[in-house]
Amino acid sequence: MFNFNVPWFWNWKKYQSSLLLHLFVGSKLISGKNNVLDLGCGEGFFFKWLDDRFRDGYLGGDFAVEPLKRASMLGAQVFECDLRTFGKQDLRKSFDNVVILEVLEHLSPKYAKRLVEVAKHYVNPGGRLIVSVPYLFNCVALGHVQFFTCSKLKKLIDSDNVVKYKKWLVGIWENKNS
């Protein structure tokens, strides 16, 4: 059944371009040992495209139960959480890679800032926080409540390491603590 709120071709185009983003992040930016925390994992789309060496150490969190069930069917280890209230004590583990892909534009600036700070807490020394957001795109029909420029994302993640990749901004914050 079609969703009449958006053009019929929207879902395929979003899927196709999201695939490119996830392949880029998964193949070029994930580093370190073998563990990944995916905040806002949805149905495990990023997990599906991750290199096999990272799959065993993958953990995905999201608030939506049905997508989490689909991610679990792919073999992903998942947990239910509200990213607005997810805290530094919720997990007893840290990760070499923490990703927040296409999530922050759905949160108010207050909650987006809070989530980034909490995510940094879970990054191992020498590890990375990788964030992606649409570049200058705000679609209320898709649930976006804010849009991002390079400078806004740099300020949010406290890093100058932000690049434009196709229609996204991808930012990397590295934990330089030893």
N, C-alpha and C. Protein backbone atom coordinates (compact mmCIF):
# COMPACT_ATOMS: atom_id res chain seq x y z
N MET A 1 0.84 -1.17 0.00
CA MET A 1 0.00 0.00 0.00
C MET A 1 0.89 1.24 0.00
N PHE A 2 0.53 2.22 -0.78
CA PHE A 2 1.29 3.46 -0.88
C PHE A 2 0.99 4.39 0.28
N ASN A 3 1.99 5.16 0.66
CA ASN A 3 1.80 6.22 1.64
C ASN A 3 1.51 7.49 0.84
N PHE A 4 0.31 8.00 0.91
CA PHE A 4 -0.07 9.13 0.08
C PHE A 4 0.41 10.48 0.61
N ASN A 5 1.09 10.48 1.74
CA ASN A 5 1.63 11.74 2.27
C ASN A 5 2.90 12.16 1.56
N VAL A 6 3.58 11.23 0.92
CA VAL A 6 4.81 11.54 0.19
C VAL A 6 4.71 10.89 -1.19
N PRO A 7 5.49 11.35 -2.16
CA PRO A 7 5.42 10.75 -3.49
C PRO A 7 5.72 9.25 -3.45
N TRP A 8 5.13 8.49 -4.37
CA TRP A 8 5.26 7.03 -4.38
C TRP A 8 6.71 6.58 -4.51
N PHE A 9 7.57 7.38 -5.14
CA PHE A 9 8.95 6.97 -5.36
C PHE A 9 9.86 7.33 -4.20
N TRP A 10 9.34 8.04 -3.21
CA TRP A 10 10.19 8.54 -2.12
C TRP A 10 10.91 7.42 -1.38
N ASN A 11 10.18 6.36 -1.01
CA ASN A 11 10.80 5.32 -0.20
C ASN A 11 11.97 4.66 -0.92
N TRP A 12 11.83 4.38 -2.23
CA TRP A 12 12.94 3.76 -2.95
C TRP A 12 14.13 4.71 -3.01
N LYS A 13 13.89 5.97 -3.31
CA LYS A 13 15.00 6.92 -3.40
C LYS A 13 15.68 7.06 -2.04
N LYS A 14 14.91 7.13 -0.97
CA LYS A 14 15.50 7.24 0.37
C LYS A 14 16.30 5.97 0.67
N TYR A 15 15.75 4.81 0.34
CA TYR A 15 16.44 3.55 0.58
C TYR A 15 17.75 3.51 -0.19
N GLN A 16 17.69 3.88 -1.46
CA GLN A 16 18.88 3.82 -2.31
C GLN A 16 19.97 4.76 -1.80
N SER A 17 19.63 5.99 -1.46
CA SER A 17 20.65 6.90 -0.99
C SER A 17 21.09 6.57 0.43
N SER A 18 20.20 6.03 1.26
CA SER A 18 20.60 5.59 2.59
C SER A 18 21.58 4.43 2.48
N LEU A 19 21.37 3.57 1.51
CA LEU A 19 22.29 2.46 1.28
C LEU A 19 23.70 2.99 1.02
N LEU A 20 23.81 4.00 0.17
CA LEU A 20 25.11 4.59 -0.13
C LEU A 20 25.76 5.16 1.12
N LEU A 21 24.98 5.87 1.94
CA LEU A 21 25.51 6.44 3.18
C LEU A 21 26.00 5.34 4.11
N HIS A 22 25.18 4.31 4.32
CA HIS A 22 25.55 3.24 5.24
C HIS A 22 26.76 2.46 4.74
N LEU A 23 26.86 2.24 3.45
CA LEU A 23 28.03 1.57 2.90
C LEU A 23 29.28 2.42 3.11
N PHE A 24 29.15 3.73 2.90
CA PHE A 24 30.28 4.65 3.09
C PHE A 24 30.76 4.61 4.54
N VAL A 25 29.83 4.77 5.47
CA VAL A 25 30.20 4.77 6.89
C VAL A 25 30.74 3.41 7.30
N GLY A 26 30.07 2.34 6.89
CA GLY A 26 30.47 1.00 7.29
C GLY A 26 31.80 0.55 6.72
N SER A 27 32.10 0.97 5.50
CA SER A 27 33.33 0.49 4.87
C SER A 27 34.50 1.43 5.04
N LYS A 28 34.25 2.71 5.22
CA LYS A 28 35.35 3.69 5.26
C LYS A 28 35.63 4.28 6.64
N LEU A 29 34.63 4.36 7.49
CA LEU A 29 34.81 5.12 8.72
C LEU A 29 34.89 4.28 9.99
N ILE A 30 34.27 3.11 9.99
CA ILE A 30 34.32 2.26 11.18
C ILE A 30 35.76 1.77 11.35
N SER A 31 36.26 1.86 12.58
CA SER A 31 37.65 1.47 12.81
C SER A 31 37.77 0.75 14.15
N GLY A 32 39.00 0.42 14.49
CA GLY A 32 39.24 -0.17 15.80
C GLY A 32 39.06 -1.66 15.81
N LYS A 33 38.70 -2.15 16.96
CA LYS A 33 38.59 -3.59 17.13
C LYS A 33 37.33 -4.10 16.44
N ASN A 34 36.36 -4.50 17.18
CA ASN A 34 35.22 -5.10 16.51
C ASN A 34 33.88 -4.80 17.15
N ASN A 35 33.73 -3.65 17.78
CA ASN A 35 32.43 -3.41 18.39
C ASN A 35 31.83 -2.07 17.97
N VAL A 36 30.51 -2.09 17.83
CA VAL A 36 29.77 -0.92 17.34
C VAL A 36 28.50 -0.78 18.16
N LEU A 37 28.24 0.43 18.64
CA LEU A 37 26.97 0.78 19.26
C LEU A 37 26.24 1.68 18.26
N ASP A 38 25.06 1.26 17.84
CA ASP A 38 24.26 1.98 16.85
C ASP A 38 23.03 2.55 17.55
N LEU A 39 23.05 3.85 17.82
CA LEU A 39 21.95 4.50 18.52
C LEU A 39 20.94 5.02 17.48
N GLY A 40 19.74 4.46 17.54
CA GLY A 40 18.72 4.76 16.54
C GLY A 40 18.81 3.76 15.40
N CYS A 41 19.00 2.49 15.73
CA CYS A 41 19.28 1.46 14.73
C CYS A 41 18.09 1.08 13.86
N GLY A 42 16.88 1.40 14.31
CA GLY A 42 15.71 1.03 13.51
C GLY A 42 15.67 -0.46 13.26
N GLU A 43 15.47 -0.83 12.00
CA GLU A 43 15.36 -2.25 11.67
C GLU A 43 16.68 -2.91 11.30
N GLY A 44 17.78 -2.29 11.68
CA GLY A 44 19.08 -2.92 11.49
C GLY A 44 19.69 -2.71 10.12
N PHE A 45 19.31 -1.64 9.47
CA PHE A 45 19.80 -1.37 8.12
C PHE A 45 21.32 -1.24 8.10
N PHE A 46 21.88 -0.52 9.07
CA PHE A 46 23.34 -0.37 9.12
C PHE A 46 24.01 -1.70 9.43
N PHE A 47 23.43 -2.46 10.36
CA PHE A 47 23.97 -3.78 10.70
C PHE A 47 24.08 -4.65 9.46
N LYS A 48 23.06 -4.60 8.62
CA LYS A 48 23.01 -5.43 7.43
C LYS A 48 24.21 -5.17 6.51
N TRP A 49 24.69 -3.92 6.48
CA TRP A 49 25.76 -3.57 5.56
C TRP A 49 27.13 -3.49 6.22
N LEU A 50 27.21 -3.80 7.49
CA LEU A 50 28.49 -3.78 8.19
C LEU A 50 29.38 -4.92 7.74
N ASP A 51 30.65 -4.68 7.74
CA ASP A 51 31.64 -5.71 7.48
C ASP A 51 31.45 -6.81 8.54
N ASP A 52 31.61 -8.06 8.14
CA ASP A 52 31.40 -9.20 9.05
C ASP A 52 32.20 -9.11 10.35
N ARG A 53 33.38 -8.54 10.31
CA ARG A 53 34.21 -8.52 11.52
C ARG A 53 33.62 -7.66 12.63
N PHE A 54 32.65 -6.80 12.31
CA PHE A 54 32.02 -5.94 13.33
C PHE A 54 30.67 -6.48 13.79
N ARG A 55 30.15 -7.50 13.14
CA ARG A 55 28.80 -7.96 13.46
C ARG A 55 28.68 -8.58 14.84
N ASP A 56 29.68 -9.34 15.27
CA ASP A 56 29.59 -10.00 16.58
C ASP A 56 29.59 -8.99 17.73
N GLY A 57 30.23 -7.86 17.55
CA GLY A 57 30.30 -6.86 18.59
C GLY A 57 29.30 -5.73 18.41
N TYR A 58 28.27 -5.96 17.60
CA TYR A 58 27.26 -4.93 17.31
C TYR A 58 26.17 -4.93 18.37
N LEU A 59 25.75 -3.72 18.76
CA LEU A 59 24.60 -3.55 19.65
C LEU A 59 23.81 -2.35 19.14
N GLY A 60 22.54 -2.56 18.88
CA GLY A 60 21.69 -1.48 18.37
C GLY A 60 20.58 -1.13 19.33
N GLY A 61 20.32 0.16 19.47
CA GLY A 61 19.24 0.61 20.35
C GLY A 61 18.27 1.51 19.62
N ASP A 62 16.98 1.36 19.92
CA ASP A 62 15.94 2.19 19.33
C ASP A 62 14.71 2.09 20.22
N PHE A 63 13.76 3.02 20.01
CA PHE A 63 12.55 3.01 20.82
C PHE A 63 11.43 2.19 20.17
N ALA A 64 11.50 1.96 18.86
CA ALA A 64 10.42 1.31 18.12
C ALA A 64 10.57 -0.21 18.18
N VAL A 65 9.61 -0.88 18.76
CA VAL A 65 9.69 -2.31 19.02
C VAL A 65 9.65 -3.14 17.73
N GLU A 66 8.76 -2.85 16.82
CA GLU A 66 8.64 -3.64 15.59
C GLU A 66 9.91 -3.60 14.75
N PRO A 67 10.50 -2.42 14.50
CA PRO A 67 11.78 -2.42 13.77
C PRO A 67 12.88 -3.18 14.52
N LEU A 68 12.90 -3.10 15.84
CA LEU A 68 13.89 -3.85 16.61
C LEU A 68 13.73 -5.36 16.41
N LYS A 69 12.50 -5.81 16.30
CA LYS A 69 12.26 -7.23 16.04
C LYS A 69 12.85 -7.63 14.69
N ARG A 70 12.68 -6.77 13.68
CA ARG A 70 13.24 -7.06 12.35
C ARG A 70 14.77 -7.06 12.39
N ALA A 71 15.34 -6.14 13.15
CA ALA A 71 16.80 -6.10 13.29
C ALA A 71 17.29 -7.38 13.97
N SER A 72 16.57 -7.81 14.96
CA SER A 72 16.93 -9.04 15.68
C SER A 72 16.87 -10.25 14.74
N MET A 73 15.90 -10.27 13.83
CA MET A 73 15.80 -11.38 12.86
C MET A 73 17.00 -11.41 11.92
N LEU A 74 17.67 -10.26 11.73
CA LEU A 74 18.88 -10.23 10.91
C LEU A 74 20.09 -10.78 11.67
N GLY A 75 19.92 -10.94 12.97
CA GLY A 75 21.01 -11.43 13.80
C GLY A 75 21.63 -10.37 14.69
N ALA A 76 21.08 -9.17 14.66
CA ALA A 76 21.61 -8.07 15.47
C ALA A 76 21.20 -8.22 16.93
N GLN A 77 22.11 -7.89 17.82
CA GLN A 77 21.77 -7.80 19.24
C GLN A 77 21.22 -6.40 19.45
N VAL A 78 20.01 -6.29 20.00
CA VAL A 78 19.34 -4.99 20.12
C VAL A 78 18.76 -4.79 21.51
N PHE A 79 18.48 -3.54 21.83
CA PHE A 79 17.80 -3.21 23.08
C PHE A 79 16.87 -2.04 22.84
N GLU A 80 15.80 -1.99 23.61
CA GLU A 80 14.82 -0.93 23.49
C GLU A 80 15.22 0.24 24.39
N CYS A 81 15.20 1.45 23.83
CA CYS A 81 15.51 2.63 24.64
C CYS A 81 14.92 3.87 24.00
N ASP A 82 14.63 4.85 24.81
CA ASP A 82 14.21 6.16 24.33
C ASP A 82 15.48 7.01 24.26
N LEU A 83 15.88 7.40 23.05
CA LEU A 83 17.14 8.13 22.88
C LEU A 83 17.11 9.51 23.55
N ARG A 84 15.94 10.00 23.88
CA ARG A 84 15.85 11.29 24.58
C ARG A 84 16.26 11.16 26.04
N THR A 85 16.11 9.95 26.61
CA THR A 85 16.41 9.76 28.03
C THR A 85 17.51 8.73 28.26
N PHE A 86 18.05 8.16 27.20
CA PHE A 86 19.14 7.19 27.28
C PHE A 86 20.29 7.82 28.06
N GLY A 87 20.83 7.08 29.03
CA GLY A 87 21.83 7.69 29.92
C GLY A 87 23.16 6.98 29.97
N LYS A 88 24.06 7.58 30.71
CA LYS A 88 25.43 7.07 30.83
C LYS A 88 25.51 5.79 31.66
N GLN A 89 24.46 5.48 32.40
CA GLN A 89 24.48 4.26 33.21
C GLN A 89 23.68 3.13 32.58
N ASP A 90 23.10 3.34 31.40
CA ASP A 90 22.22 2.33 30.81
C ASP A 90 22.96 1.10 30.29
N LEU A 91 24.21 1.26 29.89
CA LEU A 91 25.01 0.13 29.40
C LEU A 91 26.26 0.01 30.25
N ARG A 92 26.73 -1.20 30.42
CA ARG A 92 27.93 -1.42 31.22
C ARG A 92 29.14 -1.71 30.34
N LYS A 93 29.15 -1.17 29.15
CA LYS A 93 30.19 -1.48 28.18
C LYS A 93 30.48 -0.23 27.37
N SER A 94 31.72 -0.11 26.88
CA SER A 94 32.03 0.98 25.95
C SER A 94 32.43 0.36 24.62
N PHE A 95 32.52 1.20 23.59
CA PHE A 95 32.65 0.71 22.22
C PHE A 95 33.74 1.47 21.47
N ASP A 96 34.34 0.80 20.50
CA ASP A 96 35.31 1.46 19.63
C ASP A 96 34.62 2.40 18.65
N ASN A 97 33.39 2.08 18.30
CA ASN A 97 32.62 2.87 17.35
C ASN A 97 31.21 3.06 17.87
N VAL A 98 30.77 4.31 17.94
CA VAL A 98 29.38 4.62 18.27
C VAL A 98 28.85 5.40 17.08
N VAL A 99 27.73 4.96 16.52
CA VAL A 99 27.15 5.64 15.37
C VAL A 99 25.76 6.15 15.69
N ILE A 100 25.47 7.34 15.18
CA ILE A 100 24.14 7.94 15.25
C ILE A 100 23.84 8.39 13.82
N LEU A 101 23.16 7.55 13.06
CA LEU A 101 22.94 7.80 11.64
C LEU A 101 21.50 8.21 11.37
N GLU A 102 21.32 9.39 10.83
CA GLU A 102 20.01 9.90 10.44
C GLU A 102 19.01 9.88 11.60
N VAL A 103 19.46 10.38 12.75
CA VAL A 103 18.62 10.39 13.95
C VAL A 103 18.47 11.81 14.50
N LEU A 104 19.56 12.56 14.56
CA LEU A 104 19.56 13.85 15.27
C LEU A 104 18.56 14.86 14.71
N GLU A 105 18.27 14.78 13.42
CA GLU A 105 17.31 15.71 12.83
C GLU A 105 15.89 15.46 13.33
N HIS A 106 15.66 14.31 13.97
CA HIS A 106 14.35 13.97 14.52
C HIS A 106 14.21 14.40 15.98
N LEU A 107 15.29 14.90 16.57
CA LEU A 107 15.28 15.31 17.97
C LEU A 107 15.39 16.82 18.08
N SER A 108 14.79 17.36 19.11
CA SER A 108 14.95 18.80 19.36
C SER A 108 16.42 19.08 19.63
N PRO A 109 16.87 20.31 19.44
CA PRO A 109 18.28 20.63 19.72
C PRO A 109 18.72 20.20 21.12
N LYS A 110 17.85 20.36 22.10
CA LYS A 110 18.17 19.98 23.48
C LYS A 110 18.46 18.48 23.58
N TYR A 111 17.59 17.65 23.01
CA TYR A 111 17.78 16.20 23.09
C TYR A 111 18.91 15.71 22.18
N ALA A 112 19.11 16.38 21.05
CA ALA A 112 20.22 16.00 20.16
C ALA A 112 21.54 16.23 20.87
N LYS A 113 21.68 17.37 21.53
CA LYS A 113 22.91 17.67 22.27
C LYS A 113 23.12 16.67 23.40
N ARG A 114 22.07 16.36 24.10
CA ARG A 114 22.16 15.39 25.20
C ARG A 114 22.59 14.02 24.68
N LEU A 115 21.99 13.57 23.57
CA LEU A 115 22.34 12.25 23.03
C LEU A 115 23.79 12.20 22.59
N VAL A 116 24.29 13.26 21.97
CA VAL A 116 25.70 13.28 21.54
C VAL A 116 26.61 13.18 22.76
N GLU A 117 26.31 13.91 23.82
CA GLU A 117 27.13 13.86 25.03
C GLU A 117 27.11 12.47 25.66
N VAL A 118 25.95 11.85 25.71
CA VAL A 118 25.85 10.49 26.26
C VAL A 118 26.61 9.51 25.37
N ALA A 119 26.46 9.65 24.05
CA ALA A 119 27.15 8.76 23.12
C ALA A 119 28.67 8.85 23.30
N LYS A 120 29.20 10.04 23.51
CA LYS A 120 30.64 10.21 23.72
C LYS A 120 31.11 9.43 24.94
N HIS A 121 30.26 9.33 25.94
CA HIS A 121 30.59 8.59 27.15
C HIS A 121 30.88 7.12 26.83
N TYR A 122 30.25 6.57 25.80
CA TYR A 122 30.39 5.16 25.46
C TYR A 122 31.52 4.88 24.47
N VAL A 123 32.25 5.91 24.05
CA VAL A 123 33.35 5.71 23.10
C VAL A 123 34.63 5.38 23.85
N ASN A 124 35.24 4.25 23.52
CA ASN A 124 36.52 3.86 24.10
C ASN A 124 37.60 4.89 23.78
N PRO A 125 38.64 5.01 24.61
CA PRO A 125 39.79 5.83 24.23
C PRO A 125 40.34 5.35 22.87
N GLY A 126 40.56 6.28 21.98
CA GLY A 126 41.00 5.95 20.63
C GLY A 126 39.85 5.60 19.69
N GLY A 127 38.63 5.54 20.21
CA GLY A 127 37.46 5.20 19.39
C GLY A 127 36.82 6.42 18.76
N ARG A 128 35.73 6.16 18.06
CA ARG A 128 35.07 7.23 17.29
C ARG A 128 33.57 7.27 17.52
N LEU A 129 33.05 8.49 17.53
CA LEU A 129 31.62 8.74 17.40
C LEU A 129 31.41 9.21 15.97
N ILE A 130 30.54 8.55 15.24
CA ILE A 130 30.25 8.92 13.85
C ILE A 130 28.78 9.29 13.76
N VAL A 131 28.52 10.48 13.25
CA VAL A 131 27.18 11.03 13.19
C VAL A 131 26.88 11.40 11.74
N SER A 132 25.66 11.11 11.28
CA SER A 132 25.25 11.61 9.97
C SER A 132 23.88 12.27 10.10
N VAL A 133 23.72 13.34 9.34
CA VAL A 133 22.45 14.08 9.28
C VAL A 133 22.25 14.54 7.85
N PRO A 134 21.00 14.76 7.43
CA PRO A 134 20.80 15.34 6.10
C PRO A 134 21.37 16.75 6.05
N TYR A 135 21.93 17.12 4.92
CA TYR A 135 22.52 18.45 4.75
C TYR A 135 21.45 19.43 4.29
N LEU A 136 21.17 20.44 5.11
CA LEU A 136 20.21 21.50 4.79
C LEU A 136 18.87 20.97 4.31
N PHE A 137 18.41 19.88 4.90
CA PHE A 137 17.14 19.30 4.49
C PHE A 137 16.29 19.11 5.72
N ASN A 138 15.09 19.64 5.68
CA ASN A 138 14.17 19.51 6.80
C ASN A 138 12.81 19.15 6.23
N CYS A 139 12.35 17.97 6.52
CA CYS A 139 11.06 17.51 6.01
C CYS A 139 10.18 17.13 7.19
N VAL A 140 9.23 17.98 7.48
CA VAL A 140 8.32 17.74 8.61
C VAL A 140 7.56 16.44 8.41
N ALA A 141 7.22 16.11 7.15
CA ALA A 141 6.48 14.86 6.88
C ALA A 141 7.28 13.63 7.30
N LEU A 142 8.60 13.74 7.33
CA LEU A 142 9.45 12.62 7.76
C LEU A 142 9.80 12.70 9.24
N GLY A 143 9.25 13.68 9.93
CA GLY A 143 9.50 13.80 11.36
C GLY A 143 10.73 14.62 11.72
N HIS A 144 11.28 15.36 10.77
CA HIS A 144 12.44 16.20 11.08
C HIS A 144 11.97 17.43 11.86
N VAL A 145 12.70 17.76 12.91
CA VAL A 145 12.37 18.95 13.70
C VAL A 145 13.48 20.00 13.63
N GLN A 146 14.59 19.66 12.97
CA GLN A 146 15.67 20.63 12.78
C GLN A 146 16.48 20.25 11.55
N PHE A 147 17.25 21.20 11.04
CA PHE A 147 18.14 20.91 9.93
C PHE A 147 19.56 21.30 10.31
N PHE A 148 20.54 20.81 9.54
CA PHE A 148 21.94 21.00 9.90
C PHE A 148 22.75 21.62 8.77
N THR A 149 23.67 22.48 9.18
CA THR A 149 24.72 23.00 8.32
C THR A 149 26.03 22.40 8.84
N CYS A 150 27.10 22.58 8.09
CA CYS A 150 28.41 22.08 8.55
C CYS A 150 28.76 22.67 9.91
N SER A 151 28.62 23.99 10.04
CA SER A 151 29.02 24.63 11.29
C SER A 151 28.15 24.18 12.47
N LYS A 152 26.87 23.96 12.24
CA LYS A 152 25.99 23.51 13.32
C LYS A 152 26.39 22.10 13.78
N LEU A 153 26.71 21.20 12.85
CA LEU A 153 27.11 19.85 13.24
C LEU A 153 28.48 19.87 13.93
N LYS A 154 29.41 20.68 13.42
CA LYS A 154 30.73 20.80 14.05
C LYS A 154 30.59 21.22 15.51
N LYS A 155 29.73 22.20 15.73
CA LYS A 155 29.53 22.71 17.10
C LYS A 155 28.88 21.63 17.98
N LEU A 156 27.90 20.92 17.43
CA LEU A 156 27.19 19.90 18.21
C LEU A 156 28.11 18.78 18.65
N ILE A 157 28.96 18.29 17.74
CA ILE A 157 29.82 17.15 18.11
C ILE A 157 31.18 17.60 18.63
N ASP A 158 31.44 18.91 18.62
CA ASP A 158 32.70 19.48 19.09
C ASP A 158 33.88 18.90 18.32
N SER A 159 33.76 18.97 16.99
CA SER A 159 34.81 18.46 16.12
C SER A 159 34.77 19.19 14.79
N ASP A 160 35.94 19.47 14.23
CA ASP A 160 36.02 20.07 12.90
C ASP A 160 35.99 19.01 11.81
N ASN A 161 35.97 17.76 12.18
CA ASN A 161 36.02 16.66 11.23
C ASN A 161 34.61 16.35 10.70
N VAL A 162 34.09 17.24 9.85
CA VAL A 162 32.77 17.08 9.24
C VAL A 162 32.93 17.21 7.74
N VAL A 163 32.38 16.25 7.01
CA VAL A 163 32.44 16.29 5.54
C VAL A 163 31.04 16.17 4.98
N LYS A 164 30.86 16.72 3.79
CA LYS A 164 29.61 16.55 3.06
C LYS A 164 29.80 15.33 2.16
N TYR A 165 28.93 14.34 2.33
CA TYR A 165 28.95 13.15 1.49
C TYR A 165 27.58 13.04 0.83
N LYS A 166 27.55 13.25 -0.48
CA LYS A 166 26.31 13.29 -1.24
C LYS A 166 25.37 14.29 -0.60
N LYS A 167 24.23 13.86 -0.05
CA LYS A 167 23.30 14.82 0.55
C LYS A 167 23.31 14.78 2.08
N TRP A 168 24.39 14.26 2.65
CA TRP A 168 24.51 14.20 4.10
C TRP A 168 25.75 14.93 4.58
N LEU A 169 25.71 15.24 5.85
CA LEU A 169 26.90 15.65 6.57
C LEU A 169 27.29 14.48 7.45
N VAL A 170 28.56 14.14 7.44
CA VAL A 170 29.06 13.06 8.29
C VAL A 170 30.14 13.66 9.17
N GLY A 171 29.94 13.54 10.47
CA GLY A 171 30.89 14.08 11.43
C GLY A 171 31.53 12.99 12.25
N ILE A 172 32.81 13.18 12.56
CA ILE A 172 33.54 12.21 13.37
C ILE A 172 34.16 12.92 14.56
N TRP A 173 33.90 12.42 15.75
CA TRP A 173 34.55 12.88 16.97
C TRP A 173 35.40 11.72 17.46
N GLU A 174 36.66 11.97 17.75
CA GLU A 174 37.56 10.92 18.22
C GLU A 174 37.88 11.14 19.69
N ASN A 175 37.81 10.07 20.45
CA ASN A 175 38.14 10.12 21.87
C ASN A 175 39.66 10.02 22.00
N LYS A 176 40.29 11.13 22.28
CA LYS A 176 41.76 11.18 22.33
C LYS A 176 42.31 10.84 23.72
N ASN A 177 41.42 10.52 24.65
CA ASN A 177 41.88 10.12 25.99
C ASN A 177 42.57 8.77 25.89
N SER A 178 43.54 8.56 26.78
CA SER A 178 44.23 7.26 26.76
C SER A 178 43.86 6.43 27.96
